[in-house]
Amino acid sequence: MKDLKNYAPENPEFVLPEELSFPNVLFVGAKNMDEVRKHLSGKFITESVTSGKTDRKLDAYEKATIRANYAELLEDVQPQLERALSVIEEEMKSQVSEAKERLQAVRTQIRDFVYEVKRGIKEVNLPPDTIKIPVKGFYLFYAWIGNEFRLVRAEKIPAWDKEKLFSNLETNKEAFLDVLGIDIETGEVKPIKEAKDEPTAKKAGAKK
């Protein structure tokens, strides 16, 4: 079987709430994370994220590989174990329990593989260069991926945090408008008021 533990697609697609109107990519044209930090340091209030998880959709290669893995288990490994179990039950009763456990482990692995492909989602670690921006009732997690500063996770801010973060939420709402020309309330892209070379943003769902 092929091990996908260290595999990562070149252009990953992340699972985000459907109702989001936030841009998938901020600071289009940025060359690296240092440029992104420079843009953020001007008006945004952010927080560096050093650990955590986000959900990524399986790509076609992952789905095909997982299908091949569970097909191999289903067609080769499981029948072999079932035949071996039958012999062991007849010859050595003392080994029956161990063989059943091995068989059950394989069945569980098959079920897990099938479920993973059907669900089409994989939980992955947040990239090391992840920034959390509180705005409009959400924590937005942006990270440097594929030479873009992309939205990789979004979660609603708990009610008990909203009052504490009110000032930050308002500041970041203004920053989206001033720096990126995005009205967070309406999702509209407006002319940027300030510098000529300010970065732009790709809206959620927009084609590259």
N, C-alpha and C. Protein backbone atom coordinates (compact mmCIF):
# COMPACT_ATOMS: atom_id res chain seq x y z
N MET A 1 0.84 -1.21 0.00
CA MET A 1 0.00 0.00 0.00
C MET A 1 0.87 1.25 0.00
N LYS A 2 0.37 2.29 -0.62
CA LYS A 2 1.10 3.56 -0.64
C LYS A 2 0.78 4.37 0.61
N ASP A 3 1.82 4.97 1.17
CA ASP A 3 1.68 5.79 2.37
C ASP A 3 1.54 7.26 1.97
N LEU A 4 0.41 7.87 2.35
CA LEU A 4 0.15 9.28 2.01
C LEU A 4 0.47 10.22 3.16
N LYS A 5 1.16 9.71 4.18
CA LYS A 5 1.39 10.50 5.39
C LYS A 5 2.07 11.83 5.09
N ASN A 6 3.07 11.82 4.22
CA ASN A 6 3.84 13.04 3.94
C ASN A 6 3.45 13.69 2.62
N TYR A 7 2.35 13.23 2.02
CA TYR A 7 1.92 13.81 0.73
C TYR A 7 1.13 15.09 0.96
N ALA A 8 1.39 16.08 0.14
CA ALA A 8 0.62 17.34 0.17
C ALA A 8 0.45 17.81 -1.26
N PRO A 9 -0.79 18.07 -1.69
CA PRO A 9 -1.03 18.54 -3.06
C PRO A 9 -0.40 19.90 -3.30
N GLU A 10 -0.08 20.18 -4.55
CA GLU A 10 0.56 21.45 -4.90
C GLU A 10 -0.38 22.63 -4.67
N ASN A 11 -1.66 22.41 -4.95
CA ASN A 11 -2.63 23.50 -4.79
C ASN A 11 -3.80 23.00 -3.94
N PRO A 12 -3.62 22.93 -2.61
CA PRO A 12 -4.65 22.35 -1.74
C PRO A 12 -5.91 23.21 -1.69
N GLU A 13 -7.04 22.53 -1.48
CA GLU A 13 -8.33 23.22 -1.33
C GLU A 13 -8.86 22.93 0.06
N PHE A 14 -9.16 23.97 0.80
CA PHE A 14 -9.53 23.80 2.19
C PHE A 14 -11.05 23.86 2.38
N VAL A 15 -11.53 23.21 3.41
CA VAL A 15 -12.96 23.18 3.71
C VAL A 15 -13.30 24.38 4.58
N LEU A 16 -14.15 25.26 4.04
CA LEU A 16 -14.51 26.49 4.73
C LEU A 16 -16.04 26.59 4.80
N PRO A 17 -16.56 27.31 5.77
CA PRO A 17 -18.02 27.48 5.85
C PRO A 17 -18.58 28.07 4.55
N GLU A 18 -19.73 27.54 4.10
CA GLU A 18 -20.29 27.96 2.83
C GLU A 18 -20.74 29.42 2.83
N GLU A 19 -21.14 29.93 3.99
CA GLU A 19 -21.69 31.28 4.02
C GLU A 19 -20.61 32.37 4.00
N LEU A 20 -19.34 31.99 3.96
CA LEU A 20 -18.27 32.98 4.02
C LEU A 20 -18.23 33.85 2.78
N SER A 21 -17.94 35.14 2.99
CA SER A 21 -17.73 36.06 1.87
C SER A 21 -16.32 36.63 1.91
N PHE A 22 -15.46 36.04 2.74
CA PHE A 22 -14.10 36.54 2.87
C PHE A 22 -13.24 36.09 1.69
N PRO A 23 -12.22 36.88 1.35
CA PRO A 23 -11.35 36.49 0.23
C PRO A 23 -10.52 35.26 0.58
N ASN A 24 -10.33 34.39 -0.40
CA ASN A 24 -9.48 33.21 -0.21
C ASN A 24 -8.01 33.58 -0.15
N VAL A 25 -7.64 34.62 -0.86
CA VAL A 25 -6.22 35.00 -0.93
C VAL A 25 -6.10 36.50 -0.64
N LEU A 26 -5.18 36.84 0.23
CA LEU A 26 -4.88 38.24 0.52
C LEU A 26 -3.52 38.59 -0.08
N PHE A 27 -3.35 39.86 -0.38
CA PHE A 27 -2.06 40.38 -0.86
C PHE A 27 -1.58 39.63 -2.10
N VAL A 28 -2.43 39.59 -3.11
CA VAL A 28 -2.08 38.93 -4.38
C VAL A 28 -0.82 39.59 -4.95
N GLY A 29 0.10 38.77 -5.37
CA GLY A 29 1.35 39.29 -5.93
C GLY A 29 2.49 39.28 -4.95
N ALA A 30 2.20 39.04 -3.67
CA ALA A 30 3.28 38.97 -2.67
C ALA A 30 4.21 37.82 -3.01
N LYS A 31 5.52 38.04 -2.82
CA LYS A 31 6.52 37.04 -3.20
C LYS A 31 6.82 36.05 -2.08
N ASN A 32 6.62 36.45 -0.83
CA ASN A 32 6.94 35.56 0.29
C ASN A 32 6.22 36.05 1.54
N MET A 33 6.39 35.29 2.62
CA MET A 33 5.70 35.62 3.87
C MET A 33 6.23 36.91 4.49
N ASP A 34 7.47 37.23 4.22
CA ASP A 34 8.02 38.49 4.75
C ASP A 34 7.26 39.69 4.19
N GLU A 35 6.91 39.63 2.90
CA GLU A 35 6.12 40.71 2.30
C GLU A 35 4.74 40.78 2.96
N VAL A 36 4.15 39.61 3.20
CA VAL A 36 2.83 39.57 3.83
C VAL A 36 2.88 40.21 5.22
N ARG A 37 3.90 39.86 6.00
CA ARG A 37 4.02 40.43 7.34
C ARG A 37 4.17 41.95 7.27
N LYS A 38 4.89 42.42 6.27
CA LYS A 38 5.08 43.86 6.11
C LYS A 38 3.74 44.55 5.87
N HIS A 39 2.91 43.95 5.01
CA HIS A 39 1.58 44.53 4.74
C HIS A 39 0.70 44.48 6.00
N LEU A 40 0.78 43.37 6.72
CA LEU A 40 -0.06 43.20 7.90
C LEU A 40 0.31 44.16 9.02
N SER A 41 1.60 44.44 9.11
CA SER A 41 2.08 45.23 10.24
C SER A 41 1.59 46.69 10.20
N GLY A 42 1.10 47.12 9.05
CA GLY A 42 0.67 48.50 8.94
C GLY A 42 -0.59 48.82 9.72
N LYS A 43 -1.68 48.07 9.41
CA LYS A 43 -2.96 48.44 10.02
C LYS A 43 -3.70 47.27 10.68
N PHE A 44 -3.29 46.05 10.37
CA PHE A 44 -4.01 44.90 10.92
C PHE A 44 -3.55 44.56 12.33
N ILE A 45 -4.48 44.04 13.10
CA ILE A 45 -4.14 43.44 14.40
C ILE A 45 -4.26 41.94 14.21
N THR A 46 -3.16 41.22 14.32
CA THR A 46 -3.14 39.79 14.04
C THR A 46 -2.48 39.02 15.18
N GLU A 47 -2.51 37.72 15.04
CA GLU A 47 -1.88 36.84 16.03
C GLU A 47 -1.25 35.67 15.29
N SER A 48 0.01 35.38 15.55
CA SER A 48 0.68 34.25 14.92
C SER A 48 0.15 32.95 15.52
N VAL A 49 -0.07 31.96 14.66
CA VAL A 49 -0.58 30.66 15.08
C VAL A 49 0.53 29.63 14.89
N THR A 50 0.94 28.98 15.97
CA THR A 50 2.06 28.03 15.90
C THR A 50 1.62 26.58 15.80
N SER A 51 0.36 26.30 16.10
CA SER A 51 -0.12 24.91 16.00
C SER A 51 -1.63 24.93 15.80
N GLY A 52 -2.15 23.79 15.38
CA GLY A 52 -3.59 23.69 15.15
C GLY A 52 -3.86 22.83 13.93
N LYS A 53 -5.12 22.63 13.64
CA LYS A 53 -5.54 21.78 12.53
C LYS A 53 -6.52 22.54 11.64
N THR A 54 -6.60 22.11 10.38
CA THR A 54 -7.64 22.60 9.48
C THR A 54 -8.01 21.44 8.57
N ASP A 55 -9.14 21.52 7.91
CA ASP A 55 -9.59 20.45 7.03
C ASP A 55 -9.25 20.80 5.58
N ARG A 56 -8.66 19.83 4.90
CA ARG A 56 -8.32 19.99 3.48
C ARG A 56 -9.05 18.90 2.69
N LYS A 57 -9.54 19.26 1.50
CA LYS A 57 -10.20 18.28 0.66
C LYS A 57 -9.16 17.34 0.04
N LEU A 58 -9.51 16.08 -0.05
CA LEU A 58 -8.64 15.12 -0.73
C LEU A 58 -8.61 15.45 -2.22
N ASP A 59 -7.43 15.37 -2.82
CA ASP A 59 -7.36 15.57 -4.27
C ASP A 59 -7.54 14.24 -4.98
N ALA A 60 -7.56 14.27 -6.31
CA ALA A 60 -7.84 13.06 -7.10
C ALA A 60 -6.80 11.97 -6.84
N TYR A 61 -5.53 12.38 -6.70
CA TYR A 61 -4.47 11.39 -6.45
C TYR A 61 -4.68 10.69 -5.11
N GLU A 62 -5.01 11.45 -4.08
CA GLU A 62 -5.24 10.86 -2.76
C GLU A 62 -6.42 9.89 -2.79
N LYS A 63 -7.50 10.30 -3.42
CA LYS A 63 -8.67 9.43 -3.49
C LYS A 63 -8.35 8.13 -4.22
N ALA A 64 -7.63 8.25 -5.35
CA ALA A 64 -7.28 7.06 -6.12
C ALA A 64 -6.35 6.15 -5.32
N THR A 65 -5.41 6.75 -4.61
CA THR A 65 -4.46 5.96 -3.81
C THR A 65 -5.17 5.25 -2.67
N ILE A 66 -6.05 5.95 -1.97
CA ILE A 66 -6.78 5.33 -0.86
C ILE A 66 -7.68 4.21 -1.37
N ARG A 67 -8.33 4.43 -2.52
CA ARG A 67 -9.16 3.36 -3.10
C ARG A 67 -8.31 2.13 -3.42
N ALA A 68 -7.12 2.38 -3.98
CA ALA A 68 -6.22 1.27 -4.30
C ALA A 68 -5.79 0.56 -3.02
N ASN A 69 -5.54 1.33 -1.97
CA ASN A 69 -5.13 0.73 -0.69
C ASN A 69 -6.22 -0.16 -0.11
N TYR A 70 -7.45 0.34 -0.08
CA TYR A 70 -8.48 -0.51 0.53
C TYR A 70 -8.89 -1.65 -0.41
N ALA A 71 -8.71 -1.46 -1.73
CA ALA A 71 -8.96 -2.58 -2.65
C ALA A 71 -7.95 -3.70 -2.42
N GLU A 72 -6.70 -3.31 -2.20
CA GLU A 72 -5.67 -4.31 -1.91
C GLU A 72 -5.99 -5.06 -0.62
N LEU A 73 -6.40 -4.31 0.40
CA LEU A 73 -6.78 -4.96 1.65
C LEU A 73 -7.98 -5.88 1.47
N LEU A 74 -8.96 -5.40 0.71
CA LEU A 74 -10.20 -6.16 0.53
C LEU A 74 -9.99 -7.41 -0.31
N GLU A 75 -9.17 -7.31 -1.36
CA GLU A 75 -9.01 -8.41 -2.29
C GLU A 75 -7.90 -9.39 -1.90
N ASP A 76 -6.86 -8.89 -1.22
CA ASP A 76 -5.71 -9.74 -0.92
C ASP A 76 -5.55 -10.05 0.56
N VAL A 77 -5.43 -9.01 1.37
CA VAL A 77 -5.10 -9.21 2.78
C VAL A 77 -6.24 -9.85 3.54
N GLN A 78 -7.44 -9.31 3.39
CA GLN A 78 -8.56 -9.85 4.16
C GLN A 78 -8.84 -11.32 3.84
N PRO A 79 -8.92 -11.76 2.57
CA PRO A 79 -9.15 -13.18 2.29
C PRO A 79 -8.06 -14.09 2.86
N GLN A 80 -6.81 -13.61 2.80
CA GLN A 80 -5.71 -14.41 3.34
C GLN A 80 -5.89 -14.61 4.85
N LEU A 81 -6.24 -13.54 5.53
CA LEU A 81 -6.43 -13.63 6.97
C LEU A 81 -7.63 -14.51 7.32
N GLU A 82 -8.67 -14.44 6.51
CA GLU A 82 -9.84 -15.27 6.77
C GLU A 82 -9.51 -16.77 6.61
N ARG A 83 -8.73 -17.08 5.57
CA ARG A 83 -8.33 -18.48 5.37
C ARG A 83 -7.42 -18.95 6.51
N ALA A 84 -6.48 -18.08 6.88
CA ALA A 84 -5.58 -18.43 7.97
C ALA A 84 -6.36 -18.63 9.27
N LEU A 85 -7.35 -17.81 9.48
CA LEU A 85 -8.16 -17.93 10.70
C LEU A 85 -8.87 -19.28 10.75
N SER A 86 -9.38 -19.71 9.60
CA SER A 86 -10.08 -20.99 9.57
C SER A 86 -9.17 -22.14 9.97
N VAL A 87 -7.92 -22.11 9.46
CA VAL A 87 -6.96 -23.17 9.79
C VAL A 87 -6.59 -23.12 11.27
N ILE A 88 -6.34 -21.92 11.74
CA ILE A 88 -5.92 -21.76 13.14
C ILE A 88 -7.00 -22.24 14.09
N GLU A 89 -8.27 -21.94 13.75
CA GLU A 89 -9.38 -22.37 14.62
C GLU A 89 -9.43 -23.89 14.76
N GLU A 90 -9.06 -24.57 13.69
CA GLU A 90 -9.08 -26.02 13.72
C GLU A 90 -7.85 -26.58 14.44
N GLU A 91 -6.70 -26.00 14.21
CA GLU A 91 -5.46 -26.58 14.70
C GLU A 91 -5.02 -26.05 16.06
N MET A 92 -5.15 -24.77 16.26
CA MET A 92 -4.65 -24.19 17.51
C MET A 92 -5.66 -23.18 18.06
N LYS A 93 -6.46 -23.66 18.94
CA LYS A 93 -7.51 -22.82 19.52
C LYS A 93 -6.93 -21.61 20.26
N SER A 94 -5.72 -21.77 20.75
CA SER A 94 -5.13 -20.69 21.54
C SER A 94 -4.82 -19.44 20.72
N GLN A 95 -4.72 -19.60 19.38
CA GLN A 95 -4.38 -18.46 18.53
C GLN A 95 -5.60 -17.78 17.91
N VAL A 96 -6.77 -18.30 18.20
CA VAL A 96 -7.99 -17.78 17.59
C VAL A 96 -8.20 -16.29 17.94
N SER A 97 -8.03 -15.96 19.20
CA SER A 97 -8.28 -14.59 19.64
C SER A 97 -7.39 -13.59 18.92
N GLU A 98 -6.09 -13.93 18.79
CA GLU A 98 -5.15 -13.02 18.14
C GLU A 98 -5.49 -12.82 16.67
N ALA A 99 -5.83 -13.91 15.98
CA ALA A 99 -6.16 -13.80 14.55
C ALA A 99 -7.42 -12.97 14.33
N LYS A 100 -8.40 -13.13 15.19
CA LYS A 100 -9.63 -12.34 15.07
C LYS A 100 -9.35 -10.85 15.25
N GLU A 101 -8.48 -10.54 16.16
CA GLU A 101 -8.14 -9.14 16.37
C GLU A 101 -7.46 -8.54 15.14
N ARG A 102 -6.55 -9.31 14.52
CA ARG A 102 -5.89 -8.82 13.31
C ARG A 102 -6.89 -8.61 12.18
N LEU A 103 -7.81 -9.55 12.03
CA LEU A 103 -8.83 -9.43 11.00
C LEU A 103 -9.72 -8.21 11.24
N GLN A 104 -10.10 -8.02 12.48
CA GLN A 104 -10.95 -6.87 12.80
C GLN A 104 -10.23 -5.56 12.53
N ALA A 105 -8.91 -5.54 12.81
CA ALA A 105 -8.14 -4.33 12.54
C ALA A 105 -8.14 -3.99 11.06
N VAL A 106 -8.03 -5.00 10.21
CA VAL A 106 -8.06 -4.78 8.77
C VAL A 106 -9.43 -4.31 8.33
N ARG A 107 -10.49 -4.92 8.85
CA ARG A 107 -11.84 -4.49 8.51
C ARG A 107 -12.09 -3.04 8.92
N THR A 108 -11.57 -2.69 10.07
CA THR A 108 -11.71 -1.31 10.55
C THR A 108 -10.94 -0.36 9.64
N GLN A 109 -9.75 -0.77 9.21
CA GLN A 109 -8.94 0.06 8.31
C GLN A 109 -9.65 0.26 6.98
N ILE A 110 -10.25 -0.81 6.46
CA ILE A 110 -11.02 -0.70 5.21
C ILE A 110 -12.17 0.27 5.38
N ARG A 111 -12.91 0.11 6.48
CA ARG A 111 -14.04 1.00 6.73
C ARG A 111 -13.60 2.45 6.84
N ASP A 112 -12.46 2.65 7.52
CA ASP A 112 -11.94 4.01 7.67
C ASP A 112 -11.53 4.61 6.34
N PHE A 113 -10.90 3.79 5.50
CA PHE A 113 -10.49 4.27 4.17
C PHE A 113 -11.71 4.65 3.33
N VAL A 114 -12.73 3.77 3.34
CA VAL A 114 -13.95 4.04 2.57
C VAL A 114 -14.61 5.32 3.05
N TYR A 115 -14.68 5.47 4.36
CA TYR A 115 -15.30 6.68 4.94
C TYR A 115 -14.52 7.93 4.57
N GLU A 116 -13.19 7.82 4.60
CA GLU A 116 -12.35 8.98 4.29
C GLU A 116 -12.56 9.44 2.86
N VAL A 117 -12.63 8.48 1.93
CA VAL A 117 -12.86 8.84 0.52
C VAL A 117 -14.25 9.42 0.33
N LYS A 118 -15.24 8.80 0.97
CA LYS A 118 -16.62 9.28 0.84
C LYS A 118 -16.75 10.69 1.39
N ARG A 119 -16.12 10.93 2.54
CA ARG A 119 -16.19 12.26 3.16
C ARG A 119 -15.40 13.28 2.33
N GLY A 120 -14.28 12.83 1.76
CA GLY A 120 -13.51 13.71 0.88
C GLY A 120 -12.78 14.82 1.59
N ILE A 121 -12.54 14.66 2.89
CA ILE A 121 -11.91 15.71 3.69
C ILE A 121 -10.82 15.10 4.55
N LYS A 122 -9.73 15.82 4.69
CA LYS A 122 -8.63 15.34 5.52
C LYS A 122 -8.19 16.46 6.46
N GLU A 123 -8.07 16.16 7.74
CA GLU A 123 -7.59 17.14 8.70
C GLU A 123 -6.07 17.23 8.60
N VAL A 124 -5.57 18.44 8.40
CA VAL A 124 -4.13 18.64 8.26
C VAL A 124 -3.67 19.72 9.23
N ASN A 125 -2.39 19.73 9.51
CA ASN A 125 -1.83 20.75 10.38
C ASN A 125 -1.86 22.11 9.68
N LEU A 126 -2.13 23.15 10.44
CA LEU A 126 -2.03 24.49 9.88
C LEU A 126 -0.58 24.74 9.48
N PRO A 127 -0.36 25.42 8.34
CA PRO A 127 1.02 25.73 7.93
C PRO A 127 1.73 26.55 8.99
N PRO A 128 3.07 26.49 9.00
CA PRO A 128 3.83 27.24 10.03
C PRO A 128 3.62 28.75 9.95
N ASP A 129 3.46 29.27 8.74
CA ASP A 129 3.25 30.72 8.59
C ASP A 129 1.76 31.03 8.52
N THR A 130 1.06 30.81 9.62
CA THR A 130 -0.38 31.06 9.69
C THR A 130 -0.66 32.28 10.56
N ILE A 131 -1.52 33.15 10.07
CA ILE A 131 -1.89 34.37 10.78
C ILE A 131 -3.40 34.34 11.04
N LYS A 132 -3.81 34.67 12.28
CA LYS A 132 -5.22 34.71 12.64
C LYS A 132 -5.69 36.16 12.71
N ILE A 133 -6.74 36.48 11.95
CA ILE A 133 -7.28 37.84 11.91
C ILE A 133 -8.73 37.81 12.38
N PRO A 134 -9.07 38.48 13.49
CA PRO A 134 -10.46 38.55 13.91
C PRO A 134 -11.19 39.67 13.16
N VAL A 135 -12.31 39.32 12.51
CA VAL A 135 -13.09 40.32 11.78
C VAL A 135 -14.50 39.80 11.53
N LYS A 136 -15.47 40.67 11.68
CA LYS A 136 -16.88 40.38 11.39
C LYS A 136 -17.35 39.08 12.03
N GLY A 137 -17.01 38.88 13.29
CA GLY A 137 -17.50 37.72 14.02
C GLY A 137 -16.77 36.42 13.73
N PHE A 138 -15.69 36.49 12.96
CA PHE A 138 -14.94 35.28 12.62
C PHE A 138 -13.46 35.45 12.96
N TYR A 139 -12.81 34.34 13.29
CA TYR A 139 -11.36 34.27 13.25
C TYR A 139 -11.01 33.74 11.87
N LEU A 140 -10.26 34.52 11.11
CA LEU A 140 -9.81 34.09 9.78
C LEU A 140 -8.35 33.66 9.87
N PHE A 141 -8.06 32.48 9.41
CA PHE A 141 -6.69 31.96 9.43
C PHE A 141 -6.15 32.01 8.01
N TYR A 142 -5.15 32.86 7.78
CA TYR A 142 -4.50 32.96 6.48
C TYR A 142 -3.08 32.41 6.60
N ALA A 143 -2.62 31.73 5.53
CA ALA A 143 -1.27 31.14 5.56
C ALA A 143 -0.63 31.27 4.18
N TRP A 144 0.69 31.24 4.19
CA TRP A 144 1.46 31.33 2.93
C TRP A 144 1.52 29.94 2.31
N ILE A 145 0.75 29.72 1.22
CA ILE A 145 0.68 28.42 0.55
C ILE A 145 0.71 28.64 -0.96
N GLY A 146 1.59 27.91 -1.65
CA GLY A 146 1.65 28.02 -3.11
C GLY A 146 1.89 29.42 -3.59
N ASN A 147 2.77 30.13 -2.89
CA ASN A 147 3.11 31.52 -3.26
C ASN A 147 1.92 32.47 -3.17
N GLU A 148 0.98 32.16 -2.27
CA GLU A 148 -0.16 33.04 -2.02
C GLU A 148 -0.49 33.04 -0.53
N PHE A 149 -1.02 34.14 -0.05
CA PHE A 149 -1.46 34.26 1.35
C PHE A 149 -2.93 33.90 1.38
N ARG A 150 -3.25 32.63 1.68
CA ARG A 150 -4.58 32.09 1.45
C ARG A 150 -5.35 31.85 2.74
N LEU A 151 -6.67 31.96 2.62
CA LEU A 151 -7.57 31.64 3.72
C LEU A 151 -7.66 30.12 3.83
N VAL A 152 -7.21 29.55 4.98
CA VAL A 152 -7.20 28.10 5.14
C VAL A 152 -8.19 27.61 6.20
N ARG A 153 -8.71 28.52 6.97
CA ARG A 153 -9.66 28.13 8.02
C ARG A 153 -10.43 29.36 8.45
N ALA A 154 -11.68 29.15 8.83
CA ALA A 154 -12.50 30.25 9.37
C ALA A 154 -13.40 29.66 10.46
N GLU A 155 -13.42 30.31 11.60
CA GLU A 155 -14.26 29.84 12.69
C GLU A 155 -14.93 31.02 13.37
N LYS A 156 -16.16 30.81 13.80
CA LYS A 156 -16.89 31.88 14.47
C LYS A 156 -16.26 32.18 15.82
N ILE A 157 -16.19 33.47 16.12
CA ILE A 157 -15.64 33.89 17.42
C ILE A 157 -16.67 33.59 18.50
N PRO A 158 -16.26 32.89 19.55
CA PRO A 158 -17.21 32.59 20.64
C PRO A 158 -17.78 33.88 21.23
N ALA A 159 -19.01 33.78 21.70
CA ALA A 159 -19.69 34.97 22.24
C ALA A 159 -18.89 35.62 23.35
N TRP A 160 -18.24 34.79 24.17
CA TRP A 160 -17.51 35.36 25.30
C TRP A 160 -16.24 36.11 24.88
N ASP A 161 -15.81 35.93 23.64
CA ASP A 161 -14.62 36.62 23.14
C ASP A 161 -14.97 37.91 22.38
N LYS A 162 -16.21 37.99 21.88
CA LYS A 162 -16.55 39.10 20.99
C LYS A 162 -16.41 40.46 21.67
N GLU A 163 -16.90 40.56 22.90
CA GLU A 163 -16.82 41.85 23.60
C GLU A 163 -15.37 42.25 23.82
N LYS A 164 -14.55 41.28 24.20
CA LYS A 164 -13.13 41.54 24.44
C LYS A 164 -12.42 41.97 23.16
N LEU A 165 -12.89 41.44 22.03
CA LEU A 165 -12.20 41.70 20.75
C LEU A 165 -12.86 42.80 19.94
N PHE A 166 -13.84 43.50 20.52
CA PHE A 166 -14.61 44.46 19.72
C PHE A 166 -13.72 45.47 19.01
N SER A 167 -12.78 46.04 19.72
CA SER A 167 -11.87 47.04 19.12
C SER A 167 -11.07 46.44 17.98
N ASN A 168 -10.56 45.22 18.17
CA ASN A 168 -9.78 44.55 17.12
C ASN A 168 -10.63 44.27 15.90
N LEU A 169 -11.87 43.84 16.12
CA LEU A 169 -12.77 43.55 15.00
C LEU A 169 -13.01 44.79 14.15
N GLU A 170 -13.25 45.91 14.82
CA GLU A 170 -13.49 47.15 14.09
C GLU A 170 -12.23 47.61 13.35
N THR A 171 -11.08 47.49 14.01
CA THR A 171 -9.81 47.90 13.39
C THR A 171 -9.54 47.07 12.14
N ASN A 172 -9.73 45.77 12.22
CA ASN A 172 -9.46 44.90 11.07
C ASN A 172 -10.47 45.11 9.96
N LYS A 173 -11.72 45.43 10.33
CA LYS A 173 -12.72 45.73 9.30
C LYS A 173 -12.29 46.95 8.50
N GLU A 174 -11.80 47.96 9.19
CA GLU A 174 -11.31 49.16 8.51
C GLU A 174 -10.06 48.85 7.68
N ALA A 175 -9.20 47.96 8.21
CA ALA A 175 -7.97 47.61 7.49
C ALA A 175 -8.28 46.90 6.18
N PHE A 176 -9.28 46.02 6.19
CA PHE A 176 -9.66 45.34 4.95
C PHE A 176 -10.09 46.36 3.90
N LEU A 177 -10.80 47.38 4.34
CA LEU A 177 -11.27 48.39 3.40
C LEU A 177 -10.12 49.30 2.95
N ASP A 178 -9.30 49.77 3.91
CA ASP A 178 -8.24 50.71 3.58
C ASP A 178 -7.10 50.07 2.79
N VAL A 179 -6.70 48.86 3.18
CA VAL A 179 -5.53 48.21 2.57
C VAL A 179 -5.90 47.40 1.34
N LEU A 180 -7.05 46.72 1.39
CA LEU A 180 -7.42 45.80 0.31
C LEU A 180 -8.63 46.26 -0.50
N GLY A 181 -9.30 47.29 -0.04
CA GLY A 181 -10.46 47.78 -0.77
C GLY A 181 -11.68 46.88 -0.64
N ILE A 182 -11.74 46.09 0.43
CA ILE A 182 -12.84 45.13 0.61
C ILE A 182 -13.74 45.59 1.75
N ASP A 183 -15.02 45.76 1.43
CA ASP A 183 -16.01 46.09 2.45
C ASP A 183 -16.47 44.76 3.05
N ILE A 184 -15.98 44.45 4.26
CA ILE A 184 -16.28 43.17 4.89
C ILE A 184 -17.79 42.99 5.12
N GLU A 185 -18.50 44.07 5.35
CA GLU A 185 -19.94 43.98 5.63
C GLU A 185 -20.73 43.52 4.40
N THR A 186 -20.34 43.99 3.21
CA THR A 186 -21.09 43.69 1.99
C THR A 186 -20.36 42.74 1.06
N GLY A 187 -19.06 42.58 1.25
CA GLY A 187 -18.27 41.75 0.34
C GLY A 187 -17.87 42.48 -0.92
N GLU A 188 -18.23 43.77 -1.04
CA GLU A 188 -17.90 44.53 -2.24
C GLU A 188 -16.44 44.94 -2.23
N VAL A 189 -15.87 45.00 -3.44
CA VAL A 189 -14.49 45.48 -3.61
C VAL A 189 -14.57 46.92 -4.09
N LYS A 190 -13.96 47.81 -3.33
CA LYS A 190 -14.03 49.23 -3.63
C LYS A 190 -12.64 49.77 -3.96
N PRO A 191 -12.58 50.93 -4.61
CA PRO A 191 -11.26 51.52 -4.90
C PRO A 191 -10.47 51.75 -3.62
N ILE A 192 -9.18 51.42 -3.65
CA ILE A 192 -8.32 51.63 -2.50
C ILE A 192 -7.96 53.10 -2.40
N LYS A 193 -8.10 53.64 -1.19
CA LYS A 193 -7.91 55.08 -1.01
C LYS A 193 -6.45 55.49 -0.99
N GLU A 194 -5.57 54.61 -0.51
CA GLU A 194 -4.21 55.05 -0.20
C GLU A 194 -3.22 54.76 -1.31
N ALA A 195 -2.08 54.08 -0.94
CA ALA A 195 -0.95 53.96 -1.86
C ALA A 195 -1.32 53.28 -3.16
N LYS A 196 -0.56 53.61 -4.24
CA LYS A 196 -0.80 53.04 -5.56
C LYS A 196 -0.49 51.56 -5.61
N ASP A 197 0.51 51.14 -4.88
CA ASP A 197 0.97 49.75 -4.95
C ASP A 197 0.43 48.90 -3.81
N GLU A 198 -0.70 49.25 -3.22
CA GLU A 198 -1.26 48.43 -2.16
C GLU A 198 -1.60 47.06 -2.71
N PRO A 199 -1.48 45.99 -1.91
CA PRO A 199 -1.83 44.65 -2.37
C PRO A 199 -3.32 44.51 -2.56
N THR A 200 -3.72 43.50 -3.35
CA THR A 200 -5.12 43.23 -3.59
C THR A 200 -5.45 41.87 -3.01
N ALA A 201 -6.73 41.50 -3.12
CA ALA A 201 -7.15 40.20 -2.56
C ALA A 201 -8.04 39.50 -3.55
N LYS A 202 -7.95 38.17 -3.57
CA LYS A 202 -8.87 37.35 -4.34
C LYS A 202 -10.05 37.01 -3.46
N LYS A 203 -11.24 37.21 -3.98
CA LYS A 203 -12.44 36.92 -3.18
C LYS A 203 -12.65 35.43 -3.10
N ALA A 204 -13.32 34.98 -2.04
CA ALA A 204 -13.59 33.57 -1.84
C ALA A 204 -14.32 33.03 -3.05
N GLY A 205 -13.81 31.90 -3.57
CA GLY A 205 -14.46 31.27 -4.72
C GLY A 205 -14.00 31.81 -6.05
N ALA A 206 -13.19 32.87 -6.07
CA ALA A 206 -12.75 33.45 -7.34
C ALA A 206 -11.72 32.57 -7.99
N LYS A 207 -11.74 32.52 -9.35
CA LYS A 207 -10.75 31.75 -10.07
C LYS A 207 -9.44 32.47 -10.12
N LYS A 208 -8.33 31.66 -10.10
CA LYS A 208 -7.01 32.28 -10.18
C LYS A 208 -6.71 32.67 -11.62
